[in-house]
C-alpha atoms as a PDB file:
ATOM      1  CA  GLN A   1       0.166  14.506  26.681  1.00  0.00           C
ATOM      2  CA  VAL A   2       1.310  12.167  23.966  1.00  0.00           C
ATOM      3  CA  GLN A   3       3.677   9.451  24.956  1.00  0.00           C
ATOM      4  CA  LEU A   4       5.296   7.056  22.596  1.00  0.00           C
ATOM      5  CA  VAL A   5       7.044   3.953  23.875  1.00  0.00           C
ATOM      6  CA  GLU A   6       9.262   1.863  21.693  1.00  0.00           C
ATOM      7  CA  SER A   7      10.263  -1.777  22.247  1.00  0.00           C
ATOM      8  CA  GLY A   8      11.663  -4.678  20.474  1.00  0.00           C
ATOM      9  CA  GLY A   9      15.296  -3.641  19.896  1.00  0.00           C
ATOM     10  CA  GLY A  10      18.158  -5.738  20.729  1.00  0.00           C
ATOM     11  CA  LEU A  11      21.271  -7.490  19.254  1.00  0.00           C
ATOM     12  CA  VAL A  12      20.867  -9.612  16.128  1.00  0.00           C
ATOM     13  CA  GLN A  13      23.251 -11.118  13.699  1.00  0.00           C
ATOM     14  CA  ALA A  14      23.613  -9.740  10.113  1.00  0.00           C
ATOM     15  CA  GLY A  15      20.840 -11.184   7.949  1.00  0.00           C
ATOM     16  CA  GLY A  16      18.468 -11.418  11.030  1.00  0.00           C
ATOM     17  CA  SER A  17      15.223  -9.779  11.742  1.00  0.00           C
ATOM     18  CA  LEU A  18      13.519  -7.838  14.419  1.00  0.00           C
ATOM     19  CA  ARG A  19      10.120  -6.374  15.020  1.00  0.00           C
ATOM     20  CA  LEU A  20       9.968  -2.974  16.707  1.00  0.00           C
ATOM     21  CA  SER A  21       6.760  -1.792  18.312  1.00  0.00           C
ATOM     22  CA  CYS A  22       5.544   1.731  19.363  1.00  0.00           C
ATOM     23  CA  ALA A  23       2.635   2.186  21.769  1.00  0.00           C
ATOM     24  CA  ALA A  24       1.128   5.515  21.896  1.00  0.00           C
ATOM     25  CA  SER A  25      -0.818   6.949  24.841  1.00  0.00           C
ATOM     26  CA  GLY A  26      -2.511  10.206  25.288  1.00  0.00           C
ATOM     27  CA  SER A  27      -3.109  10.447  21.736  1.00  0.00           C
ATOM     28  CA  ILE A  28      -6.808  10.830  21.190  1.00  0.00           C
ATOM     29  CA  TYR A  29      -6.685  11.101  17.439  1.00  0.00           C
ATOM     30  CA  PHE A  30      -3.858   8.522  16.878  1.00  0.00           C
ATOM     31  CA  SER A  31      -5.924   7.004  14.033  1.00  0.00           C
ATOM     32  CA  LEU A  32      -5.847  10.289  12.114  1.00  0.00           C
ATOM     33  CA  TYR A  33      -2.208  10.935  12.346  1.00  0.00           C
ATOM     34  CA  LEU A  34       0.831  10.032  10.128  1.00  0.00           C
ATOM     35  CA  MET A  35       3.280   8.000  11.977  1.00  0.00           C
ATOM     36  CA  GLY A  36       6.904   7.294  11.269  1.00  0.00           C
ATOM     37  CA  TRP A  37      10.148   5.637  12.413  1.00  0.00           C
ATOM     38  CA  TYR A  38      13.501   7.457  12.496  1.00  0.00           C
ATOM     39  CA  ARG A  39      16.890   6.271  13.484  1.00  0.00           C
ATOM     40  CA  GLN A  40      20.065   7.879  14.665  1.00  0.00           C
ATOM     41  CA  ALA A  41      23.449   6.060  14.597  1.00  0.00           C
ATOM     42  CA  PRO A  42      26.445   7.284  16.733  1.00  0.00           C
ATOM     43  CA  GLY A  43      27.957  10.426  15.215  1.00  0.00           C
ATOM     44  CA  LYS A  44      25.190  10.695  12.650  1.00  0.00           C
ATOM     45  CA  GLU A  45      22.020  12.778  12.239  1.00  0.00           C
ATOM     46  CA  ARG A  46      18.683  11.390  12.779  1.00  0.00           C
ATOM     47  CA  GLU A  47      17.202  10.065   9.614  1.00  0.00           C
ATOM     48  CA  LEU A  48      13.714   9.186   8.535  1.00  0.00           C
ATOM     49  CA  VAL A  49      13.329   5.386   7.981  1.00  0.00           C
ATOM     50  CA  ALA A  50       9.650   4.931   7.174  1.00  0.00           C
ATOM     51  CA  THR A  51       6.229   6.662   7.377  1.00  0.00           C
ATOM     52  CA  ILE A  52       2.731   5.360   7.249  1.00  0.00           C
ATOM     53  CA  SER A  53      -0.472   7.203   6.629  1.00  0.00           C
ATOM     54  CA  ALA A  54      -3.372   7.465   9.046  1.00  0.00           C
ATOM     55  CA  GLY A  55      -5.261   4.637   7.306  1.00  0.00           C
ATOM     56  CA  GLY A  56      -2.243   2.593   6.726  1.00  0.00           C
ATOM     57  CA  THR A  57      -2.413   2.531   3.021  1.00  0.00           C
ATOM     58  CA  ASP A  58       0.281   4.811   2.101  1.00  0.00           C
ATOM     59  CA  LYS A  59       3.842   3.848   3.131  1.00  0.00           C
ATOM     60  CA  ASN A  60       7.164   5.488   2.355  1.00  0.00           C
ATOM     61  CA  TYR A  61      10.625   4.093   2.975  1.00  0.00           C
ATOM     62  CA  ALA A  62      14.187   5.392   2.882  1.00  0.00           C
ATOM     63  CA  ASP A  63      16.019   4.005  -0.081  1.00  0.00           C
ATOM     64  CA  SER A  64      18.457   2.175   2.236  1.00  0.00           C
ATOM     65  CA  VAL A  65      15.584   0.066   3.664  1.00  0.00           C
ATOM     66  CA  LYS A  66      13.278  -0.399   0.835  1.00  0.00           C
ATOM     67  CA  GLY A  67      12.537  -4.188   0.339  1.00  0.00           C
ATOM     68  CA  ARG A  68      13.762  -4.993   3.745  1.00  0.00           C
ATOM     69  CA  PHE A  69      11.634  -3.034   6.244  1.00  0.00           C
ATOM     70  CA  THR A  70       7.904  -2.936   6.581  1.00  0.00           C
ATOM     71  CA  ILE A  71       5.878  -0.426   8.509  1.00  0.00           C
ATOM     72  CA  SER A  72       2.376  -1.143   9.712  1.00  0.00           C
ATOM     73  CA  ARG A  73      -0.020   0.047  12.280  1.00  0.00           C
ATOM     74  CA  ASP A  74      -2.991  -1.045  14.350  1.00  0.00           C
ATOM     75  CA  ASN A  75      -5.113   1.849  15.080  1.00  0.00           C
ATOM     76  CA  ASN A  76      -7.344  -0.152  17.590  1.00  0.00           C
ATOM     77  CA  LYS A  77      -4.174  -0.670  19.671  1.00  0.00           C
ATOM     78  CA  LYS A  78      -2.715   2.566  18.926  1.00  0.00           C
ATOM     79  CA  THR A  79       0.512   0.839  17.912  1.00  0.00           C
ATOM     80  CA  VAL A  80       2.944   1.202  15.023  1.00  0.00           C
ATOM     81  CA  TYR A  81       5.268  -1.567  14.006  1.00  0.00           C
ATOM     82  CA  LEU A  82       8.500  -1.752  12.053  1.00  0.00           C
ATOM     83  CA  ASP A  83       9.429  -5.318  10.770  1.00  0.00           C
ATOM     84  CA  MET A  84      13.023  -5.301   9.813  1.00  0.00           C
ATOM     85  CA  THR A  85      14.663  -8.171   7.826  1.00  0.00           C
ATOM     86  CA  GLY A  86      17.979  -8.699   6.212  1.00  0.00           C
ATOM     87  CA  LEU A  87      19.574  -6.484   8.874  1.00  0.00           C
ATOM     88  CA  LYS A  88      22.972  -5.084   8.051  1.00  0.00           C
ATOM     89  CA  PRO A  89      25.612  -3.669  10.341  1.00  0.00           C
ATOM     90  CA  GLU A  90      24.812  -0.207   8.985  1.00  0.00           C
ATOM     91  CA  ASP A  91      21.184  -0.513  10.246  1.00  0.00           C
ATOM     92  CA  ALA A  92      22.471  -0.323  13.830  1.00  0.00           C
ATOM     93  CA  ALA A  93      21.023   2.686  15.499  1.00  0.00           C
ATOM     94  CA  VAL A  94      18.604   3.931  18.051  1.00  0.00           C
ATOM     95  CA  TYR A  95      15.115   3.704  16.478  1.00  0.00           C
ATOM     96  CA  TYR A  96      12.539   6.389  17.355  1.00  0.00           C
ATOM     97  CA  CYS A  97       8.854   6.367  16.808  1.00  0.00           C
ATOM     98  CA  ASN A  98       7.319   9.671  15.637  1.00  0.00           C
ATOM     99  CA  GLU A  99       3.798  10.979  15.620  1.00  0.00           C
ATOM    100  CA  ARG A 100       2.971  13.757  13.189  1.00  0.00           C
ATOM    101  CA  GLY A 101       6.489  14.792  12.960  1.00  0.00           C
ATOM    102  CA  ILE A 102       6.223  16.349  16.267  1.00  0.00           C
ATOM    103  CA  TYR A 103       6.399  13.817  19.089  1.00  0.00           C
ATOM    104  CA  PHE A 104       9.303  11.292  19.474  1.00  0.00           C
ATOM    105  CA  GLY A 105       9.571   8.387  21.916  1.00  0.00           C
ATOM    106  CA  GLN A 106      12.803   7.627  23.861  1.00  0.00           C
ATOM    107  CA  GLY A 107      13.934   5.141  21.327  1.00  0.00           C
ATOM    108  CA  THR A 108      14.989   1.496  21.307  1.00  0.00           C
ATOM    109  CA  ARG A 109      18.499   0.360  20.314  1.00  0.00           C
ATOM    110  CA  VAL A 110      19.156  -2.094  17.491  1.00  0.00           C
ATOM    111  CA  ALA A 111      22.675  -3.591  17.231  1.00  0.00           C
ATOM    112  CA  VAL A 112      23.729  -5.819  14.350  1.00  0.00           C
ATOM    113  CA  SER A 113      26.708  -7.945  14.543  1.00  0.00           C
ATOM    114  CA  SER A 114      28.644  -8.904  11.437  1.00  0.00           C
END
């Protein structure tokens, strides 16, 4: 069974940076799968933040995070990362890792103080 465990969330001041990590276990073919990060703020729907192709060459971002967030992956470690810079209060949310659009982790909370 696929398990995704996110880490790296926390409280940061506006303009600060964080690196989120997502470790996958039970995913035999991790290196073949599209991976992504979603987020959900209180009272809002979950939204797609970024995706990365199996080989890591194709990356897509929500307009709201382009130029500030970077998604990457290490297939040997079965880990996906989200480097977030220039954080804004509106980036505050629970961030979820996603595999193939199917599996989600439990999430890691990001809070941004203004």
